[in-house]
Protein backbone atom coordinates (compact mmCIF):
# COMPACT_ATOMS: atom_id res chain seq x y z
CA MET A 1 11.18 -45.45 8.38
CA ASP A 2 14.48 -44.41 6.87
CA SER A 3 15.92 -40.98 6.34
CA THR A 4 15.76 -39.95 2.73
CA PRO A 5 18.52 -38.21 0.77
CA ALA A 6 18.42 -34.43 0.79
CA GLY A 7 18.16 -32.27 -2.25
CA GLU A 8 14.91 -30.74 -3.40
CA ASP A 9 13.83 -30.19 0.19
CA GLY A 10 16.30 -27.30 0.55
CA SER A 11 18.69 -29.04 2.91
CA MET A 12 22.42 -28.56 2.59
CA PRO A 13 24.23 -30.72 0.01
CA GLY A 14 25.84 -33.73 1.61
CA SER A 15 23.34 -33.79 4.49
CA ARG A 16 20.40 -36.14 4.87
CA ALA A 17 16.82 -35.02 5.28
CA ILE A 18 15.18 -36.01 8.52
CA GLN A 19 12.08 -37.64 7.13
CA ALA A 20 9.83 -40.68 7.44
CA THR A 21 7.08 -41.71 5.03
CA VAL A 22 4.66 -44.58 5.50
CA ALA A 23 1.59 -45.91 3.70
CA LEU A 24 -1.30 -46.66 6.03
CA ASP A 25 -4.00 -49.01 4.85
CA GLY A 26 -6.56 -50.96 6.78
CA ASP A 27 -9.09 -50.40 9.49
CA GLY A 28 -9.32 -47.73 12.19
CA THR A 29 -6.25 -49.08 13.95
CA VAL A 30 -4.08 -47.18 11.46
CA ILE A 31 -4.98 -43.97 13.31
CA ALA A 32 -3.34 -45.24 16.49
CA GLN A 33 -0.48 -46.62 14.39
CA ALA A 34 0.02 -43.16 12.86
CA ARG A 35 0.19 -41.55 16.32
CA HIS A 36 2.80 -44.10 17.42
CA LEU A 37 4.79 -43.56 14.23
CA ALA A 38 4.81 -39.81 14.89
CA ALA A 39 6.10 -40.30 18.45
CA ASP A 40 8.71 -42.80 17.24
CA PHE A 41 9.84 -40.38 14.52
CA LEU A 42 10.38 -37.58 17.05
CA THR A 43 12.20 -39.98 19.39
CA ARG A 44 14.50 -40.87 16.49
CA VAL A 45 15.00 -37.17 15.69
CA ARG A 46 16.12 -36.64 19.27
CA ALA A 47 18.35 -39.73 19.50
CA GLU A 48 19.92 -39.86 16.04
CA HIS A 49 20.07 -36.20 15.04
CA GLY A 50 20.66 -34.46 18.37
CA LEU A 51 17.59 -32.26 18.14
CA SER A 52 15.66 -31.20 21.20
CA VAL A 53 12.02 -32.32 21.15
CA SER A 54 9.66 -31.17 23.88
CA LEU A 55 6.81 -33.26 25.26
CA ARG A 56 4.44 -30.56 24.00
CA ALA A 57 5.88 -31.01 20.52
CA VAL A 58 5.24 -34.74 20.65
CA ASP A 59 1.69 -34.18 21.91
CA LEU A 60 0.86 -31.57 19.24
CA THR A 61 2.39 -33.67 16.49
CA GLN A 62 0.42 -36.74 17.56
CA LEU A 63 -2.79 -34.68 17.77
CA VAL A 64 -2.37 -33.23 14.27
CA VAL A 65 -1.41 -36.62 12.81
CA SER A 66 -4.41 -38.24 14.49
CA GLU A 67 -6.87 -35.65 13.18
CA LEU A 68 -5.51 -35.62 9.62
CA VAL A 69 -5.28 -39.41 9.31
CA THR A 70 -8.76 -39.77 10.85
CA ASN A 71 -10.19 -37.41 8.23
CA ALA A 72 -8.38 -39.17 5.41
CA ARG A 73 -9.62 -42.59 6.54
CA LYS A 74 -13.16 -41.27 7.03
CA TYR A 75 -13.58 -39.47 3.70
CA ALA A 76 -11.25 -41.18 1.20
CA PRO A 77 -11.13 -44.76 -0.01
CA GLY A 78 -7.82 -46.59 -0.14
CA PRO A 79 -4.48 -46.00 1.49
CA VAL A 80 -3.24 -42.87 3.23
CA LEU A 81 0.35 -41.66 2.94
CA LEU A 82 1.83 -40.04 6.03
CA ASP A 83 5.02 -38.02 5.65
CA LEU A 84 6.84 -36.57 8.67
CA ARG A 85 9.91 -34.40 8.33
CA ILE A 86 11.94 -31.72 10.01
CA ASP A 87 12.34 -28.54 7.99
CA GLY A 88 14.15 -25.56 9.45
CA GLY A 89 13.88 -26.99 12.94
CA ARG A 90 10.11 -27.49 12.65
CA VAL A 91 7.95 -30.56 12.27
CA VAL A 92 6.09 -30.79 8.96
CA ILE A 93 3.25 -33.28 8.60
CA GLU A 94 1.84 -34.21 5.20
CA VAL A 95 -1.08 -36.55 4.66
CA TRP A 96 -2.13 -37.67 1.18
CA ASP A 97 -5.38 -39.41 0.36
CA SER A 98 -7.28 -40.32 -2.81
CA ASP A 99 -10.22 -37.90 -2.40
CA PRO A 100 -9.71 -34.71 -4.47
CA VAL A 101 -12.23 -32.69 -2.40
CA LEU A 102 -10.35 -30.13 -0.30
CA PRO A 103 -11.42 -29.82 3.34
CA VAL A 104 -13.16 -26.69 4.54
CA ALA A 105 -13.27 -25.60 8.17
CA ARG A 106 -16.81 -25.22 9.35
CA ALA A 107 -18.09 -22.22 11.28
CA ALA A 108 -17.95 -22.59 15.04
CA ASP A 109 -21.04 -24.28 16.41
CA ALA A 110 -21.12 -25.26 20.07
CA GLY A 111 -24.08 -27.55 19.39
CA ARG A 112 -22.36 -29.56 16.65
CA VAL A 113 -21.18 -32.99 17.69
CA GLY A 114 -18.06 -34.11 15.84
CA GLN A 115 -16.46 -32.74 12.68
CA HIS A 116 -14.08 -30.47 14.59
CA GLY A 117 -10.84 -32.10 13.40
CA LEU A 118 -9.86 -29.43 10.90
CA GLU A 119 -10.67 -26.69 13.41
CA ILE A 120 -8.41 -28.40 15.95
CA VAL A 121 -5.57 -28.73 13.44
CA MET A 122 -5.85 -25.09 12.41
CA ALA A 123 -5.89 -23.99 16.07
CA VAL A 124 -2.64 -25.77 16.96
CA ALA A 125 -0.74 -25.33 13.70
CA HIS A 126 1.12 -22.26 12.57
CA GLY A 127 0.89 -23.44 8.99
CA PHE A 128 -1.82 -25.33 7.11
CA GLN A 129 -2.21 -25.98 3.41
CA ALA A 130 -4.52 -28.19 1.36
CA GLN A 131 -3.74 -28.80 -2.29
CA ARG A 132 -5.10 -31.05 -5.00
CA GLU A 133 -2.71 -33.55 -6.52
CA VAL A 134 -2.92 -35.42 -9.83
CA VAL A 135 -4.74 -38.04 -7.78
CA GLY A 136 -6.35 -36.97 -4.52
CA LYS A 137 -5.07 -34.25 -2.24
CA ARG A 138 -2.21 -33.45 0.11
CA ILE A 139 -2.71 -31.72 3.45
CA THR A 140 0.33 -30.07 5.04
CA ALA A 141 0.43 -28.83 8.64
CA ARG A 142 3.17 -27.44 10.83
CA PRO A 143 2.17 -27.90 14.46
CA GLY A 144 3.26 -25.34 17.02
CA ARG A 145 3.15 -21.63 17.49
CA ARG A 146 3.89 -19.17 14.75
CA PRO A 147 7.63 -18.50 14.63
CA ARG A 148 8.79 -15.33 16.32
CA GLN A 149 11.64 -13.22 15.17
CA ARG A 150 14.68 -14.24 17.22
CA HIS A 151 17.57 -12.17 18.42
CA LEU A 152 21.04 -13.65 18.25
CA SER A 153 21.25 -13.65 22.04
CA SER A 154 17.93 -15.47 22.57
CA PRO A 155 17.67 -19.24 22.86
CA ALA A 156 16.60 -21.14 19.79
CA ALA A 157 12.83 -21.33 19.40
CA VAL A 158 11.30 -24.72 19.85
CA VAL A 159 8.56 -25.09 17.28
CA ALA A 160 6.75 -28.35 17.39
CA GLY A 161 9.77 -29.08 19.51
CA ALA A 162 12.72 -29.46 17.16
CA THR A 163 15.88 -27.33 17.48
CA ARG A 164 19.59 -28.10 17.28
CA GLN A 165 21.32 -28.71 20.58
């Protein structure tokens, strides 16, 4: 998991994007692998880039990664691409899979067993987007609370845990 050069992602020229992308293929163990990759990514963000990452941020990121990768493995054949990055001090999670059908959150139903993953993601993310790609679809989520307007005298907001120290 290497950082990728900045540019189209809106980062400053000369800086490097904080990003990790991995292809996941195989059995159900890739879901646990994805959770571990997310935690490792945020540990690297903290250690190598000097960003503060809360335990809540790690937990929310792992939860969203787990739900999105689970859905991709369940409904789409073939590999899943997981992309993690920091954008504007916030964690961005993207999951690509080969199924072009966009997910739809189901109405709340206390009697329904399972199929709550998308509801969970939407409840803990301040941003969620599903878009078709040339092949398959890409789901983007930004775990954490919706950003608040900050005053210059207030501490930096920790959204999905990442802020400059």
